[in-house]
C-alpha atoms as a PDB file:
ATOM      1  CA  MET A   1    -197.915  28.315 -16.179  1.00  0.00           C
ATOM      2  CA  LYS A   2    -196.492  29.852 -12.981  1.00  0.00           C
ATOM      3  CA  ASN A   3    -192.911  29.625 -14.334  1.00  0.00           C
ATOM      4  CA  TYR A   4    -194.006  31.348 -17.536  1.00  0.00           C
ATOM      5  CA  VAL A   5    -195.493  34.262 -15.573  1.00  0.00           C
ATOM      6  CA  ILE A   6    -192.326  34.632 -13.467  1.00  0.00           C
ATOM      7  CA  PHE A   7    -190.140  34.478 -16.593  1.00  0.00           C
ATOM      8  CA  LYS A   8    -192.293  37.074 -18.354  1.00  0.00           C
ATOM      9  CA  LYS A   9    -192.071  39.469 -15.380  1.00  0.00           C
ATOM     10  CA  ILE A  10    -188.279  39.119 -15.145  1.00  0.00           C
ATOM     11  CA  LYS A  11    -187.973  39.621 -18.914  1.00  0.00           C
ATOM     12  CA  GLU A  12    -190.119  42.781 -18.884  1.00  0.00           C
ATOM     13  CA  LYS A  13    -188.318  44.267 -15.867  1.00  0.00           C
ATOM     14  CA  ALA A  14    -184.876  43.511 -17.300  1.00  0.00           C
ATOM     15  CA  LYS A  15    -185.836  45.079 -20.633  1.00  0.00           C
ATOM     16  CA  SER A  16    -187.173  48.189 -18.913  1.00  0.00           C
ATOM     17  CA  ASP A  17    -184.081  48.537 -16.686  1.00  0.00           C
ATOM     18  CA  TYR A  18    -181.716  47.841 -19.599  1.00  0.00           C
ATOM     19  CA  GLU A  19    -183.262  50.490 -21.845  1.00  0.00           C
ATOM     20  CA  LYS A  20    -182.695  53.124 -19.142  1.00  0.00           C
ATOM     21  CA  ILE A  21    -178.955  52.486 -18.862  1.00  0.00           C
ATOM     22  CA  LYS A  22    -177.597  53.873 -22.199  1.00  0.00           C
ATOM     23  CA  THR A  23    -173.901  54.114 -21.113  1.00  0.00           C
ATOM     24  CA  ILE A  24    -171.744  53.282 -18.069  1.00  0.00           C
ATOM     25  CA  TYR A  25    -168.205  54.492 -17.434  1.00  0.00           C
ATOM     26  CA  CYS A  26    -165.582  51.706 -17.275  1.00  0.00           C
ATOM     27  CA  PRO A  27    -162.160  52.446 -15.713  1.00  0.00           C
ATOM     28  CA  TYR A  28    -160.507  49.686 -17.767  1.00  0.00           C
ATOM     29  CA  PHE A  29    -161.354  51.426 -21.056  1.00  0.00           C
ATOM     30  CA  ASN A  30    -161.207  54.920 -19.563  1.00  0.00           C
ATOM     31  CA  ASP A  31    -164.341  55.328 -21.643  1.00  0.00           C
ATOM     32  CA  TYR A  32    -168.058  54.641 -21.615  1.00  0.00           C
ATOM     33  CA  VAL A  33    -169.541  51.234 -22.439  1.00  0.00           C
ATOM     34  CA  ARG A  34    -172.766  51.432 -24.432  1.00  0.00           C
ATOM     35  CA  PHE A  35    -175.833  49.357 -23.616  1.00  0.00           C
ATOM     36  CA  ASN A  36    -177.438  48.936 -27.038  1.00  0.00           C
ATOM     37  CA  TYR A  37    -179.988  46.478 -28.420  1.00  0.00           C
ATOM     38  CA  LYS A  38    -177.212  44.010 -29.343  1.00  0.00           C
ATOM     39  CA  GLY A  39    -176.433  43.115 -25.721  1.00  0.00           C
ATOM     40  CA  LEU A  40    -180.033  42.559 -24.696  1.00  0.00           C
ATOM     41  CA  ASN A  41    -180.639  40.585 -27.870  1.00  0.00           C
ATOM     42  CA  HIS A  42    -177.583  38.398 -27.192  1.00  0.00           C
ATOM     43  CA  ILE A  43    -178.902  37.556 -23.730  1.00  0.00           C
ATOM     44  CA  LYS A  44    -182.081  36.223 -25.356  1.00  0.00           C
ATOM     45  CA  MET A  45    -180.483  34.686 -28.453  1.00  0.00           C
ATOM     46  CA  LYS A  46    -177.538  32.257 -28.658  1.00  0.00           C
ATOM     47  CA  SER A  47    -176.850  33.440 -32.187  1.00  0.00           C
ATOM     48  CA  TRP A  48    -178.816  35.093 -34.955  1.00  0.00           C
ATOM     49  CA  ASN A  49    -182.222  33.418 -35.215  1.00  0.00           C
ATOM     50  CA  LYS A  50    -181.454  30.850 -32.447  1.00  0.00           C
ATOM     51  CA  THR A  51    -183.139  31.449 -29.074  1.00  0.00           C
ATOM     52  CA  ARG A  52    -181.421  30.548 -25.791  1.00  0.00           C
ATOM     53  CA  LEU A  53    -183.153  28.152 -23.411  1.00  0.00           C
ATOM     54  CA  LYS A  54    -185.620  29.981 -21.151  1.00  0.00           C
ATOM     55  CA  SER A  55    -183.679  28.823 -18.066  1.00  0.00           C
ATOM     56  CA  ASP A  56    -180.504  30.396 -19.494  1.00  0.00           C
ATOM     57  CA  GLN A  57    -182.324  33.628 -20.392  1.00  0.00           C
ATOM     58  CA  TYR A  58    -183.949  33.748 -16.958  1.00  0.00           C
ATOM     59  CA  LEU A  59    -180.634  33.672 -15.042  1.00  0.00           C
ATOM     60  CA  ARG A  60    -179.005  36.236 -17.326  1.00  0.00           C
ATOM     61  CA  LEU A  61    -182.010  38.581 -17.227  1.00  0.00           C
ATOM     62  CA  LYS A  62    -182.438  38.207 -13.466  1.00  0.00           C
ATOM     63  CA  PHE A  63    -178.885  39.340 -12.725  1.00  0.00           C
ATOM     64  CA  LEU A  64    -178.554  41.857 -15.560  1.00  0.00           C
ATOM     65  CA  ILE A  65    -179.006  44.670 -13.045  1.00  0.00           C
ATOM     66  CA  LEU A  66    -175.515  43.843 -11.677  1.00  0.00           C
ATOM     67  CA  ALA A  67    -173.779  44.581 -15.000  1.00  0.00           C
ATOM     68  CA  PRO A  68    -173.553  48.397 -14.678  1.00  0.00           C
ATOM     69  CA  LYS A  69    -172.066  48.168 -11.161  1.00  0.00           C
ATOM     70  CA  ILE A  70    -169.455  45.640 -12.269  1.00  0.00           C
ATOM     71  CA  ILE A  71    -168.517  47.566 -15.407  1.00  0.00           C
ATOM     72  CA  ASN A  72    -168.247  50.797 -13.422  1.00  0.00           C
ATOM     73  CA  SER A  73    -165.784  49.222 -10.981  1.00  0.00           C
ATOM     74  CA  SER A  74    -163.741  47.116 -13.438  1.00  0.00           C
ATOM     75  CA  GLY A  75    -160.148  48.216 -13.836  1.00  0.00           C
ATOM     76  CA  THR A  76    -158.668  44.838 -14.761  1.00  0.00           C
ATOM     77  CA  VAL A  77    -159.762  42.481 -17.519  1.00  0.00           C
ATOM     78  CA  GLN A  78    -159.726  38.755 -16.652  1.00  0.00           C
ATOM     79  CA  GLU A  79    -160.108  37.378 -20.183  1.00  0.00           C
ATOM     80  CA  LEU A  80    -159.440  38.742 -23.631  1.00  0.00           C
ATOM     81  CA  PHE A  81    -160.275  37.214 -27.010  1.00  0.00           C
ATOM     82  CA  LYS A  82    -159.479  38.782 -30.389  1.00  0.00           C
ATOM     83  CA  THR A  83    -160.795  37.529 -33.703  1.00  0.00           C
ATOM     84  CA  ASN A  84    -161.790  38.539 -37.202  1.00  0.00           C
ATOM     85  CA  LYS A  85    -165.393  37.729 -37.943  1.00  0.00           C
ATOM     86  CA  LYS A  86    -168.278  38.754 -40.087  1.00  0.00           C
ATOM     87  CA  GLU A  87    -170.491  41.293 -38.343  1.00  0.00           C
ATOM     88  CA  ARG A  88    -174.028  42.154 -39.388  1.00  0.00           C
ATOM     89  CA  ILE A  89    -173.998  45.868 -40.172  1.00  0.00           C
ATOM     90  CA  LYS A  90    -176.800  47.971 -41.563  1.00  0.00           C
ATOM     91  CA  ILE A  91    -175.692  49.920 -44.644  1.00  0.00           C
ATOM     92  CA  LYS A  92    -178.252  52.085 -46.442  1.00  0.00           C
ATOM     93  CA  ASN A  93    -181.251  50.287 -44.871  1.00  0.00           C
ATOM     94  CA  LYS A  94    -179.839  46.879 -45.822  1.00  0.00           C
ATOM     95  CA  TRP A  95    -178.161  44.338 -43.516  1.00  0.00           C
ATOM     96  CA  GLU A  96    -174.794  43.081 -44.729  1.00  0.00           C
ATOM     97  CA  LYS A  97    -172.132  40.819 -43.231  1.00  0.00           C
ATOM     98  CA  ILE A  98    -168.716  42.445 -43.308  1.00  0.00           C
ATOM     99  CA  SER A  99    -165.461  41.052 -41.909  1.00  0.00           C
ATOM    100  CA  LYS A 100    -164.298  43.106 -38.918  1.00  0.00           C
ATOM    101  CA  SER A 101    -161.717  42.858 -36.141  1.00  0.00           C
ATOM    102  CA  VAL A 102    -163.582  42.036 -32.909  1.00  0.00           C
ATOM    103  CA  THR A 103    -162.300  41.944 -29.327  1.00  0.00           C
ATOM    104  CA  TYR A 104    -164.171  40.477 -26.358  1.00  0.00           C
ATOM    105  CA  PHE A 105    -163.266  41.560 -22.816  1.00  0.00           C
ATOM    106  CA  ALA A 106    -164.447  39.575 -19.784  1.00  0.00           C
ATOM    107  CA  PHE A 107    -164.712  40.962 -16.258  1.00  0.00           C
ATOM    108  CA  ILE A 108    -165.458  38.599 -13.367  1.00  0.00           C
ATOM    109  CA  ALA A 109    -166.831  39.921 -10.095  1.00  0.00           C
ATOM    110  CA  ILE A 110    -168.849  39.025  -7.030  1.00  0.00           C
ATOM    111  CA  LYS A 111    -171.701  41.431  -6.263  1.00  0.00           C
ATOM    112  CA  ASN A 112    -174.380  40.758  -3.633  1.00  0.00           C
ATOM    113  CA  ASN A 113    -172.822  37.287  -3.092  1.00  0.00           C
ATOM    114  CA  ILE A 114    -173.393  36.443  -6.758  1.00  0.00           C
ATOM    115  CA  LYS A 115    -170.479  35.566  -9.019  1.00  0.00           C
ATOM    116  CA  VAL A 116    -170.882  36.774 -12.597  1.00  0.00           C
ATOM    117  CA  LYS A 117    -168.878  37.334 -15.736  1.00  0.00           C
ATOM    118  CA  ILE A 118    -169.574  40.422 -17.834  1.00  0.00           C
ATOM    119  CA  ILE A 119    -168.510  40.408 -21.478  1.00  0.00           C
ATOM    120  CA  ILE A 120    -167.873  43.635 -23.381  1.00  0.00           C
ATOM    121  CA  LYS A 121    -167.540  43.576 -27.161  1.00  0.00           C
ATOM    122  CA  LYS A 122    -165.528  46.035 -29.248  1.00  0.00           C
ATOM    123  CA  VAL A 123    -165.722  46.026 -33.043  1.00  0.00           C
ATOM    124  CA  GLU A 124    -162.636  47.632 -34.594  1.00  0.00           C
ATOM    125  CA  LYS A 125    -162.362  51.286 -33.561  1.00  0.00           C
ATOM    126  CA  ARG A 126    -165.952  51.658 -32.420  1.00  0.00           C
ATOM    127  CA  LYS A 127    -166.997  52.247 -28.814  1.00  0.00           C
ATOM    128  CA  PRO A 128    -167.184  49.154 -26.580  1.00  0.00           C
ATOM    129  CA  PHE A 129    -170.630  47.809 -25.779  1.00  0.00           C
ATOM    130  CA  PHE A 130    -172.174  45.384 -23.304  1.00  0.00           C
ATOM    131  CA  TRP A 131    -172.406  41.923 -24.855  1.00  0.00           C
ATOM    132  CA  SER A 132    -173.360  39.412 -22.175  1.00  0.00           C
ATOM    133  CA  ILE A 133    -173.627  38.396 -18.547  1.00  0.00           C
ATOM    134  CA  ILE A 134    -172.936  34.869 -17.330  1.00  0.00           C
ATOM    135  CA  PRO A 135    -174.155  34.219 -13.786  1.00  0.00           C
ATOM    136  CA  PHE A 136    -172.768  31.452 -11.616  1.00  0.00           C
ATOM    137  CA  TRP A 137    -171.041  28.679 -13.513  1.00  0.00           C
ATOM    138  CA  LYS A 138    -171.492  25.202 -14.864  1.00  0.00           C
ATOM    139  CA  SER A 139    -170.107  22.150 -13.119  1.00  0.00           C
ATOM    140  CA  LYS A 140    -168.211  19.609 -15.166  1.00  0.00           C
ATOM    141  CA  LYS A 141    -166.677  16.361 -14.084  1.00  0.00           C
ATOM    142  CA  ASP A 142    -162.971  16.142 -14.826  1.00  0.00           C
ATOM    143  CA  PRO A 143    -162.575  12.707 -16.511  1.00  0.00           C
ATOM    144  CA  LEU A 144    -158.949  12.335 -15.410  1.00  0.00           C
ATOM    145  CA  TYR A 145    -159.368  12.996 -11.693  1.00  0.00           C
ATOM    146  CA  GLN A 146    -163.094  12.219 -11.352  1.00  0.00           C
ATOM    147  CA  LYS A 147    -163.598  15.528  -9.557  1.00  0.00           C
ATOM    148  CA  THR A 148    -166.205  18.158 -10.278  1.00  0.00           C
ATOM    149  CA  LYS A 149    -164.863  21.530 -11.306  1.00  0.00           C
ATOM    150  CA  LYS A 150    -166.579  24.843 -11.926  1.00  0.00           C
ATOM    151  CA  VAL A 151    -166.590  26.164 -15.486  1.00  0.00           C
ATOM    152  CA  PHE A 152    -167.800  29.687 -16.221  1.00  0.00           C
ATOM    153  CA  HIS A 153    -168.394  29.227 -19.929  1.00  0.00           C
ATOM    154  CA  GLU A 154    -167.712  26.975 -22.860  1.00  0.00           C
ATOM    155  CA  GLY A 155    -164.639  29.014 -23.786  1.00  0.00           C
ATOM    156  CA  ASP A 156    -166.260  31.069 -26.505  1.00  0.00           C
ATOM    157  CA  LEU A 157    -166.781  34.657 -25.337  1.00  0.00           C
ATOM    158  CA  GLU A 158    -168.729  35.481 -28.473  1.00  0.00           C
ATOM    159  CA  ASN A 159    -171.450  32.898 -27.849  1.00  0.00           C
ATOM    160  CA  ASP A 160    -171.438  32.618 -24.036  1.00  0.00           C
END
């Protein structure tokens, strides 16, 4: 019950803080990055209609406040992924899936002794928007050398 209360407080605070942001200037794009409902929704949902684990949501929501600072100071992209995929777009009050060119940009930074990856999504010629934050990293055992190595994500910027 205590964990639920803590999670709920973090979720409410993150939502409140997120909704105040609107846009943040990013030197890499020489443009503003939007903070729309899609980014906050992606932090809570792994994909459409599939919720992330509460522990995953908790870490992302807890450190979400770092995203604007990192975006505002990011002049170099560390990862880039381009793809064509179907995007859900609202056309005349109806949701449709339309194939679009999508690019994901990842910025890695250490703020307040916390290492995070920020992912920005850009659909075709539209403005870039905040997509995700990945705090810390996962540890995986390398089967060849039997050593543990740090892995930031599963390699899929869209879903991470």
